[in-house]
Amino acid sequence: DDDTYSGAAKVALSAEGHSVVTFSDARQALEAALK
């Protein structure tokens, strides 16, 4: 729920070549996991 932490994780993981999607809450992530 804190964009600062999720943004930092995305930058670090993306720099290592990973595809990353961030979510501000778990329900959004559950919905995305359907796809």
Full PDB file with SEQRES, HELIX, SHEET, SSBOND, CRYST1, ORIGX, SCALE, CONECT and MASTER records, all heavy atoms in Angstrom:
SEQRES   1 A   35  ASP ASP ASP THR TYR SER GLY ALA ALA LYS VAL ALA LEU          
SEQRES   2 A   35  SER ALA GLU GLY HIS SER VAL VAL THR PHE SER ASP ALA          
SEQRES   3 A   35  ARG GLN ALA LEU GLU ALA ALA LEU LYS                          
HELIX    1 AA1 ASP A    3  ALA A   15  1                                  13    
HELIX    2 AA2 ALA A   26  LEU A   34  1                                   9    
CRYST1    1.000    1.000    1.000  90.00  90.00  90.00 P 1           1          
ORIGX1      1.000000  0.000000  0.000000        0.00000                         
ORIGX2      0.000000  1.000000  0.000000        0.00000                         
ORIGX3      0.000000  0.000000  1.000000        0.00000                         
SCALE1      1.000000  0.000000  0.000000        0.00000                         
SCALE2      0.000000  1.000000  0.000000        0.00000                         
SCALE3      0.000000  0.000000  1.000000        0.00000                         
ATOM      1  N   ASP A   1       0.816  -1.213   0.000  1.00  0.00           N  
ATOM      2  CA  ASP A   1       0.000   0.000   0.000  1.00  0.00           C  
ATOM      3  C   ASP A   1       0.854   1.270   0.000  1.00  0.00           C  
ATOM      4  O   ASP A   1       0.337   2.361  -0.176  1.00  0.00           O  
ATOM      5  CB  ASP A   1      -0.976   0.007   1.181  1.00  0.00           C  
ATOM      6  CG  ASP A   1      -0.282  -0.060   2.525  1.00  0.00           C  
ATOM      7  OD1 ASP A   1       0.644  -0.883   2.672  1.00  0.00           O  
ATOM      8  OD2 ASP A   1      -0.669   0.693   3.420  1.00  0.00           O  
ATOM      9  N   ASP A   2       2.154   1.142   0.156  1.00  0.00           N  
ATOM     10  CA  ASP A   2       3.064   2.284   0.124  1.00  0.00           C  
ATOM     11  C   ASP A   2       3.806   2.299  -1.220  1.00  0.00           C  
ATOM     12  O   ASP A   2       4.648   1.434  -1.489  1.00  0.00           O  
ATOM     13  CB  ASP A   2       4.059   2.204   1.278  1.00  0.00           C  
ATOM     14  CG  ASP A   2       4.923   3.436   1.412  1.00  0.00           C  
ATOM     15  OD1 ASP A   2       5.248   4.065   0.380  1.00  0.00           O  
ATOM     16  OD2 ASP A   2       5.276   3.770   2.548  1.00  0.00           O  
ATOM     17  N   ASP A   3       3.493   3.288  -2.042  1.00  0.00           N  
ATOM     18  CA  ASP A   3       4.091   3.368  -3.379  1.00  0.00           C  
ATOM     19  C   ASP A   3       5.608   3.522  -3.352  1.00  0.00           C  
ATOM     20  O   ASP A   3       6.285   3.130  -4.298  1.00  0.00           O  
ATOM     21  CB  ASP A   3       3.477   4.534  -4.157  1.00  0.00           C  
ATOM     22  CG  ASP A   3       2.022   4.309  -4.498  1.00  0.00           C  
ATOM     23  OD1 ASP A   3       1.565   3.150  -4.480  1.00  0.00           O  
ATOM     24  OD2 ASP A   3       1.323   5.299  -4.800  1.00  0.00           O  
ATOM     25  N   THR A   4       6.142   4.076  -2.284  1.00  0.00           N  
ATOM     26  CA  THR A   4       7.591   4.243  -2.184  1.00  0.00           C  
ATOM     27  C   THR A   4       8.285   2.888  -2.190  1.00  0.00           C  
ATOM     28  O   THR A   4       9.249   2.670  -2.931  1.00  0.00           O  
ATOM     29  CB  THR A   4       7.966   5.015  -0.897  1.00  0.00           C  
ATOM     30  OG1 THR A   4       7.320   6.287  -0.933  1.00  0.00           O  
ATOM     31  CG2 THR A   4       9.468   5.199  -0.779  1.00  0.00           C  
ATOM     32  N   TYR A   5       7.781   1.958  -1.380  1.00  0.00           N  
ATOM     33  CA  TYR A   5       8.404   0.633  -1.292  1.00  0.00           C  
ATOM     34  C   TYR A   5       8.165  -0.190  -2.545  1.00  0.00           C  
ATOM     35  O   TYR A   5       9.083  -0.828  -3.061  1.00  0.00           O  
ATOM     36  CB  TYR A   5       7.897  -0.120  -0.062  1.00  0.00           C  
ATOM     37  CG  TYR A   5       8.319   0.512   1.240  1.00  0.00           C  
ATOM     38  CD1 TYR A   5       7.387   0.971   2.149  1.00  0.00           C  
ATOM     39  CD2 TYR A   5       9.664   0.666   1.560  1.00  0.00           C  
ATOM     40  CE1 TYR A   5       7.769   1.572   3.346  1.00  0.00           C  
ATOM     41  CE2 TYR A   5      10.063   1.267   2.750  1.00  0.00           C  
ATOM     42  CZ  TYR A   5       9.109   1.712   3.636  1.00  0.00           C  
ATOM     43  OH  TYR A   5       9.498   2.310   4.803  1.00  0.00           O  
ATOM     44  N   SER A   6       6.944  -0.192  -3.042  1.00  0.00           N  
ATOM     45  CA  SER A   6       6.663  -0.986  -4.239  1.00  0.00           C  
ATOM     46  C   SER A   6       7.415  -0.419  -5.443  1.00  0.00           C  
ATOM     47  O   SER A   6       7.916  -1.177  -6.281  1.00  0.00           O  
ATOM     48  CB  SER A   6       5.164  -1.076  -4.508  1.00  0.00           C  
ATOM     49  OG  SER A   6       4.596   0.198  -4.688  1.00  0.00           O  
ATOM     50  N   GLY A   7       7.528   0.906  -5.516  1.00  0.00           N  
ATOM     51  CA  GLY A   7       8.274   1.516  -6.614  1.00  0.00           C  
ATOM     52  C   GLY A   7       9.749   1.165  -6.564  1.00  0.00           C  
ATOM     53  O   GLY A   7      10.366   0.872  -7.595  1.00  0.00           O  
ATOM     54  N   ALA A   8      10.333   1.181  -5.373  1.00  0.00           N  
ATOM     55  CA  ALA A   8      11.744   0.826  -5.215  1.00  0.00           C  
ATOM     56  C   ALA A   8      11.983  -0.637  -5.596  1.00  0.00           C  
ATOM     57  O   ALA A   8      12.977  -0.965  -6.264  1.00  0.00           O  
ATOM     58  CB  ALA A   8      12.194   1.078  -3.780  1.00  0.00           C  
ATOM     59  N   ALA A   9      11.067  -1.510  -5.192  1.00  0.00           N  
ATOM     60  CA  ALA A   9      11.192  -2.930  -5.544  1.00  0.00           C  
ATOM     61  C   ALA A   9      11.099  -3.105  -7.052  1.00  0.00           C  
ATOM     62  O   ALA A   9      11.859  -3.878  -7.650  1.00  0.00           O  
ATOM     63  CB  ALA A   9      10.116  -3.744  -4.838  1.00  0.00           C  
ATOM     64  N   LYS A  10      10.182  -2.377  -7.674  1.00  0.00           N  
ATOM     65  CA  LYS A  10      10.022  -2.484  -9.131  1.00  0.00           C  
ATOM     66  C   LYS A  10      11.286  -2.030  -9.856  1.00  0.00           C  
ATOM     67  O   LYS A  10      11.744  -2.699 -10.785  1.00  0.00           O  
ATOM     68  CB  LYS A  10       8.822  -1.667  -9.597  1.00  0.00           C  
ATOM     69  CG  LYS A  10       8.574  -1.792 -11.084  1.00  0.00           C  
ATOM     70  CD  LYS A  10       7.313  -1.099 -11.526  1.00  0.00           C  
ATOM     71  CE  LYS A  10       7.076  -1.353 -13.008  1.00  0.00           C  
ATOM     72  NZ  LYS A  10       5.777  -0.902 -13.453  1.00  0.00           N  
ATOM     73  N   VAL A  11      11.849  -0.915  -9.429  1.00  0.00           N  
ATOM     74  CA  VAL A  11      13.072  -0.407 -10.060  1.00  0.00           C  
ATOM     75  C   VAL A  11      14.204  -1.424  -9.921  1.00  0.00           C  
ATOM     76  O   VAL A  11      14.900  -1.749 -10.892  1.00  0.00           O  
ATOM     77  CB  VAL A  11      13.472   0.963  -9.457  1.00  0.00           C  
ATOM     78  CG1 VAL A  11      14.880   1.361  -9.874  1.00  0.00           C  
ATOM     79  CG2 VAL A  11      12.469   2.032  -9.873  1.00  0.00           C  
ATOM     80  N   ALA A  12      14.398  -1.948  -8.709  1.00  0.00           N  
ATOM     81  CA  ALA A  12      15.493  -2.893  -8.455  1.00  0.00           C  
ATOM     82  C   ALA A  12      15.319  -4.190  -9.244  1.00  0.00           C  
ATOM     83  O   ALA A  12      16.267  -4.683  -9.861  1.00  0.00           O  
ATOM     84  CB  ALA A  12      15.590  -3.187  -6.965  1.00  0.00           C  
ATOM     85  N   LEU A  13      14.119  -4.731  -9.238  1.00  0.00           N  
ATOM     86  CA  LEU A  13      13.876  -5.996  -9.941  1.00  0.00           C  
ATOM     87  C   LEU A  13      13.898  -5.815 -11.455  1.00  0.00           C  
ATOM     88  O   LEU A  13      14.404  -6.675 -12.183  1.00  0.00           O  
ATOM     89  CB  LEU A  13      12.545  -6.598  -9.491  1.00  0.00           C  
ATOM     90  CG  LEU A  13      12.513  -7.085  -8.044  1.00  0.00           C  
ATOM     91  CD1 LEU A  13      11.082  -7.345  -7.594  1.00  0.00           C  
ATOM     92  CD2 LEU A  13      13.369  -8.336  -7.888  1.00  0.00           C  
ATOM     93  N   SER A  14      13.372  -4.704 -11.933  1.00  0.00           N  
ATOM     94  CA  SER A  14      13.398  -4.424 -13.374  1.00  0.00           C  
ATOM     95  C   SER A  14      14.828  -4.257 -13.870  1.00  0.00           C  
ATOM     96  O   SER A  14      15.170  -4.698 -14.974  1.00  0.00           O  
ATOM     97  CB  SER A  14      12.585  -3.173 -13.691  1.00  0.00           C  
ATOM     98  OG  SER A  14      11.224  -3.371 -13.399  1.00  0.00           O  
ATOM     99  N   ALA A  15      15.681  -3.653 -13.051  1.00  0.00           N  
ATOM    100  CA  ALA A  15      17.087  -3.472 -13.417  1.00  0.00           C  
ATOM    101  C   ALA A  15      17.803  -4.813 -13.590  1.00  0.00           C  
ATOM    102  O   ALA A  15      18.791  -4.909 -14.327  1.00  0.00           O  
ATOM    103  CB  ALA A  15      17.806  -2.628 -12.362  1.00  0.00           C  
ATOM    104  N   GLU A  16      17.270  -5.842 -12.933  1.00  0.00           N  
ATOM    105  CA  GLU A  16      17.838  -7.194 -13.054  1.00  0.00           C  
ATOM    106  C   GLU A  16      17.171  -7.999 -14.165  1.00  0.00           C  
ATOM    107  O   GLU A  16      17.418  -9.195 -14.315  1.00  0.00           O  
ATOM    108  CB  GLU A  16      17.709  -7.936 -11.717  1.00  0.00           C  
ATOM    109  CG  GLU A  16      18.529  -7.336 -10.596  1.00  0.00           C  
ATOM    110  CD  GLU A  16      20.032  -7.374 -10.886  1.00  0.00           C  
ATOM    111  OE1 GLU A  16      20.524  -8.387 -11.433  1.00  0.00           O  
ATOM    112  OE2 GLU A  16      20.711  -6.373 -10.587  1.00  0.00           O  
ATOM    113  N   GLY A  17      16.285  -7.337 -14.932  1.00  0.00           N  
ATOM    114  CA  GLY A  17      15.681  -7.988 -16.089  1.00  0.00           C  
ATOM    115  C   GLY A  17      14.335  -8.647 -15.856  1.00  0.00           C  
ATOM    116  O   GLY A  17      13.819  -9.330 -16.744  1.00  0.00           O  
ATOM    117  N   HIS A  18      13.743  -8.447 -14.681  1.00  0.00           N  
ATOM    118  CA  HIS A  18      12.451  -9.049 -14.373  1.00  0.00           C  
ATOM    119  C   HIS A  18      11.300  -8.154 -14.827  1.00  0.00           C  
ATOM    120  O   HIS A  18      11.410  -6.931 -14.798  1.00  0.00           O  
ATOM    121  CB  HIS A  18      12.320  -9.304 -12.871  1.00  0.00           C  
ATOM    122  CG  HIS A  18      13.345 -10.235 -12.331  1.00  0.00           C  
ATOM    123  ND1 HIS A  18      13.294 -11.591 -12.529  1.00  0.00           N  
ATOM    124  CD2 HIS A  18      14.476  -9.997 -11.623  1.00  0.00           C  
ATOM    125  CE1 HIS A  18      14.327 -12.156 -11.943  1.00  0.00           C  
ATOM    126  NE2 HIS A  18      15.069 -11.206 -11.395  1.00  0.00           N  
ATOM    127  N   SER A  19      10.216  -8.776 -15.218  1.00  0.00           N  
ATOM    128  CA  SER A  19       8.972  -8.050 -15.475  1.00  0.00           C  
ATOM    129  C   SER A  19       8.251  -7.918 -14.148  1.00  0.00           C  
ATOM    130  O   SER A  19       8.061  -8.914 -13.441  1.00  0.00           O  
ATOM    131  CB  SER A  19       8.093  -8.805 -16.456  1.00  0.00           C  
ATOM    132  OG  SER A  19       8.723  -8.918 -17.697  1.00  0.00           O  
ATOM    133  N   VAL A  20       7.847  -6.710 -13.804  1.00  0.00           N  
ATOM    134  CA  VAL A  20       7.256  -6.438 -12.497  1.00  0.00           C  
ATOM    135  C   VAL A  20       5.989  -5.619 -12.661  1.00  0.00           C  
ATOM    136  O   VAL A  20       5.952  -4.671 -13.437  1.00  0.00           O  
ATOM    137  CB  VAL A  20       8.243  -5.652 -11.591  1.00  0.00           C  
ATOM    138  CG1 VAL A  20       7.638  -5.382 -10.222  1.00  0.00           C  
ATOM    139  CG2 VAL A  20       9.567  -6.389 -11.463  1.00  0.00           C  
ATOM    140  N   VAL A  21       4.968  -6.002 -11.900  1.00  0.00           N  
ATOM    141  CA  VAL A  21       3.738  -5.219 -11.821  1.00  0.00           C  
ATOM    142  C   VAL A  21       3.498  -4.936 -10.352  1.00  0.00           C  
ATOM    143  O   VAL A  21       3.652  -5.824  -9.505  1.00  0.00           O  
ATOM    144  CB  VAL A  21       2.534  -5.983 -12.409  1.00  0.00           C  
ATOM    145  CG1 VAL A  21       1.264  -5.173 -12.269  1.00  0.00           C  
ATOM    146  CG2 VAL A  21       2.772  -6.342 -13.851  1.00  0.00           C  
ATOM    147  N   THR A  22       3.139  -3.692 -10.036  1.00  0.00           N  
ATOM    148  CA  THR A  22       2.867  -3.328  -8.648  1.00  0.00           C  
ATOM    149  C   THR A  22       1.374  -3.141  -8.435  1.00  0.00           C  
ATOM    150  O   THR A  22       0.645  -2.751  -9.348  1.00  0.00           O  
ATOM    151  CB  THR A  22       3.610  -2.031  -8.248  1.00  0.00           C  
ATOM    152  OG1 THR A  22       3.152  -0.960  -9.059  1.00  0.00           O  
ATOM    153  CG2 THR A  22       5.113  -2.202  -8.388  1.00  0.00           C  
ATOM    154  N   PHE A  23       0.962  -3.426  -7.208  1.00  0.00           N  
ATOM    155  CA  PHE A  23      -0.434  -3.279  -6.804  1.00  0.00           C  
ATOM    156  C   PHE A  23      -0.465  -2.606  -5.435  1.00  0.00           C  
ATOM    157  O   PHE A  23       0.346  -2.919  -4.570  1.00  0.00           O  
ATOM    158  CB  PHE A  23      -1.122  -4.647  -6.707  1.00  0.00           C  
ATOM    159  CG  PHE A  23      -1.080  -5.418  -7.989  1.00  0.00           C  
ATOM    160  CD1 PHE A  23      -0.065  -6.331  -8.236  1.00  0.00           C  
ATOM    161  CD2 PHE A  23      -2.044  -5.217  -8.963  1.00  0.00           C  
ATOM    162  CE1 PHE A  23      -0.007  -7.034  -9.426  1.00  0.00           C  
ATOM    163  CE2 PHE A  23      -1.996  -5.911 -10.155  1.00  0.00           C  
ATOM    164  CZ  PHE A  23      -0.970  -6.822 -10.386  1.00  0.00           C  
ATOM    165  N   SER A  24      -1.435  -1.716  -5.255  1.00  0.00           N  
ATOM    166  CA  SER A  24      -1.538  -1.017  -3.981  1.00  0.00           C  
ATOM    167  C   SER A  24      -2.382  -1.778  -2.967  1.00  0.00           C  
ATOM    168  O   SER A  24      -2.424  -1.407  -1.805  1.00  0.00           O  
ATOM    169  CB  SER A  24      -2.096   0.393  -4.179  1.00  0.00           C  
ATOM    170  OG  SER A  24      -3.375   0.331  -4.764  1.00  0.00           O  
ATOM    171  N   ASP A  25      -3.058  -2.831  -3.411  1.00  0.00           N  
ATOM    172  CA  ASP A  25      -3.773  -3.683  -2.459  1.00  0.00           C  
ATOM    173  C   ASP A  25      -3.888  -5.102  -3.002  1.00  0.00           C  
ATOM    174  O   ASP A  25      -3.754  -5.356  -4.202  1.00  0.00           O  
ATOM    175  CB  ASP A  25      -5.143  -3.105  -2.072  1.00  0.00           C  
ATOM    176  CG  ASP A  25      -6.150  -3.095  -3.195  1.00  0.00           C  
ATOM    177  OD1 ASP A  25      -6.461  -4.184  -3.729  1.00  0.00           O  
ATOM    178  OD2 ASP A  25      -6.650  -2.009  -3.526  1.00  0.00           O  
ATOM    179  N   ALA A  26      -4.147  -6.028  -2.102  1.00  0.00           N  
ATOM    180  CA  ALA A  26      -4.167  -7.448  -2.430  1.00  0.00           C  
ATOM    181  C   ALA A  26      -5.317  -7.819  -3.352  1.00  0.00           C  
ATOM    182  O   ALA A  26      -5.176  -8.703  -4.201  1.00  0.00           O  
ATOM    183  CB  ALA A  26      -4.229  -8.264  -1.144  1.00  0.00           C  
ATOM    184  N   ARG A  27      -6.446  -7.168  -3.219  1.00  0.00           N  
ATOM    185  CA  ARG A  27      -7.591  -7.502  -4.081  1.00  0.00           C  
ATOM    186  C   ARG A  27      -7.285  -7.223  -5.551  1.00  0.00           C  
ATOM    187  O   ARG A  27      -7.688  -7.989  -6.425  1.00  0.00           O  
ATOM    188  CB  ARG A  27      -8.830  -6.765  -3.608  1.00  0.00           C  
ATOM    189  CG  ARG A  27      -9.251  -7.220  -2.218  1.00  0.00           C  
ATOM    190  CD  ARG A  27     -10.682  -6.887  -1.887  1.00  0.00           C  
ATOM    191  NE  ARG A  27     -10.955  -7.102  -0.484  1.00  0.00           N  
ATOM    192  CZ  ARG A  27     -11.150  -8.289   0.092  1.00  0.00           C  
ATOM    193  NH1 ARG A  27     -11.075  -9.381  -0.619  1.00  0.00           N  
ATOM    194  NH2 ARG A  27     -11.401  -8.376   1.388  1.00  0.00           N  
ATOM    195  N   GLN A  28      -6.557  -6.150  -5.813  1.00  0.00           N  
ATOM    196  CA  GLN A  28      -6.143  -5.862  -7.193  1.00  0.00           C  
ATOM    197  C   GLN A  28      -5.238  -6.968  -7.724  1.00  0.00           C  
ATOM    198  O   GLN A  28      -5.365  -7.401  -8.873  1.00  0.00           O  
ATOM    199  CB  GLN A  28      -5.381  -4.534  -7.264  1.00  0.00           C  
ATOM    200  CG  GLN A  28      -6.206  -3.308  -7.021  1.00  0.00           C  
ATOM    201  CD  GLN A  28      -5.330  -2.057  -6.995  1.00  0.00           C  
ATOM    202  OE1 GLN A  28      -4.109  -2.123  -6.822  1.00  0.00           O  
ATOM    203  NE2 GLN A  28      -5.968  -0.912  -7.157  1.00  0.00           N  
ATOM    204  N   ALA A  29      -4.323  -7.424  -6.890  1.00  0.00           N  
ATOM    205  CA  ALA A  29      -3.406  -8.483  -7.298  1.00  0.00           C  
ATOM    206  C   ALA A  29      -4.149  -9.792  -7.557  1.00  0.00           C  
ATOM    207  O   ALA A  29      -3.835 -10.512  -8.511  1.00  0.00           O  
ATOM    208  CB  ALA A  29      -2.323  -8.682  -6.238  1.00  0.00           C  
ATOM    209  N   LEU A  30      -5.139 -10.104  -6.725  1.00  0.00           N  
ATOM    210  CA  LEU A  30      -5.942 -11.314  -6.954  1.00  0.00           C  
ATOM    211  C   LEU A  30      -6.668 -11.244  -8.296  1.00  0.00           C  
ATOM    212  O   LEU A  30      -6.729 -12.237  -9.029  1.00  0.00           O  
ATOM    213  CB  LEU A  30      -6.953 -11.508  -5.823  1.00  0.00           C  
ATOM    214  CG  LEU A  30      -6.433 -12.102  -4.526  1.00  0.00           C  
ATOM    215  CD1 LEU A  30      -7.514 -12.063  -3.450  1.00  0.00           C  
ATOM    216  CD2 LEU A  30      -5.941 -13.527  -4.739  1.00  0.00           C  
ATOM    217  N   GLU A  31      -7.206 -10.090  -8.616  1.00  0.00           N  
ATOM    218  CA  GLU A  31      -7.892  -9.908  -9.904  1.00  0.00           C  
ATOM    219  C   GLU A  31      -6.914 -10.098 -11.067  1.00  0.00           C  
ATOM    220  O   GLU A  31      -7.231 -10.749 -12.056  1.00  0.00           O  
ATOM    221  CB  GLU A  31      -8.536  -8.526  -9.979  1.00  0.00           C  
ATOM    222  CG  GLU A  31      -9.825  -8.416  -9.206  1.00  0.00           C  
ATOM    223  CD  GLU A  31     -10.922  -9.322  -9.754  1.00  0.00           C  
ATOM    224  OE1 GLU A  31     -11.137  -9.362 -10.995  1.00  0.00           O  
ATOM    225  OE2 GLU A  31     -11.565 -10.007  -8.941  1.00  0.00           O  
ATOM    226  N   ALA A  32      -5.729  -9.518 -10.946  1.00  0.00           N  
ATOM    227  CA  ALA A  32      -4.728  -9.636 -12.004  1.00  0.00           C  
ATOM    228  C   ALA A  32      -4.255 -11.079 -12.169  1.00  0.00           C  
ATOM    229  O   ALA A  32      -3.940 -11.517 -13.280  1.00  0.00           O  
ATOM    230  CB  ALA A  32      -3.545  -8.723 -11.710  1.00  0.00           C  
ATOM    231  N   ALA A  33      -4.229 -11.830 -11.074  1.00  0.00           N  
ATOM    232  CA  ALA A  33      -3.788 -13.221 -11.118  1.00  0.00           C  
ATOM    233  C   ALA A  33      -4.767 -14.104 -11.888  1.00  0.00           C  
ATOM    234  O   ALA A  33      -4.416 -15.218 -12.290  1.00  0.00           O  
ATOM    235  CB  ALA A  33      -3.579 -13.756  -9.708  1.00  0.00           C  
ATOM    236  N   LEU A  34      -5.986 -13.623 -12.084  1.00  0.00           N  
ATOM    237  CA  LEU A  34      -6.933 -14.358 -12.935  1.00  0.00           C  
ATOM    238  C   LEU A  34      -6.473 -14.358 -14.383  1.00  0.00           C  
ATOM    239  O   LEU A  34      -6.731 -15.308 -15.129  1.00  0.00           O  
ATOM    240  CB  LEU A  34      -8.340 -13.735 -12.846  1.00  0.00           C  
ATOM    241  CG  LEU A  34      -9.067 -13.873 -11.522  1.00  0.00           C  
ATOM    242  CD1 LEU A  34     -10.305 -12.977 -11.511  1.00  0.00           C  
ATOM    243  CD2 LEU A  34      -9.458 -15.328 -11.286  1.00  0.00           C  
ATOM    244  N   LYS A  35      -5.784 -13.300 -14.787  1.00  0.00           N  
ATOM    245  CA  LYS A  35      -5.343 -13.143 -16.172  1.00  0.00           C  
ATOM    246  C   LYS A  35      -3.941 -13.682 -16.422  1.00  0.00           C  
ATOM    247  O   LYS A  35      -3.625 -14.102 -17.519  1.00  0.00           O  
ATOM    248  CB  LYS A  35      -5.404 -11.665 -16.570  1.00  0.00           C  
ATOM    249  CG  LYS A  35      -6.797 -11.093 -16.519  1.00  0.00           C  
ATOM    250  CD  LYS A  35      -6.789  -9.612 -16.826  1.00  0.00           C  
ATOM    251  CE  LYS A  35      -8.187  -9.066 -16.622  1.00  0.00           C  
ATOM    252  NZ  LYS A  35      -8.223  -7.870 -15.825  1.00  0.00           N  
TER     253      LYS A  35                                                      
MASTER        0    0    0    2    0    0    0    6  252    1    0    3          
END                                                                             
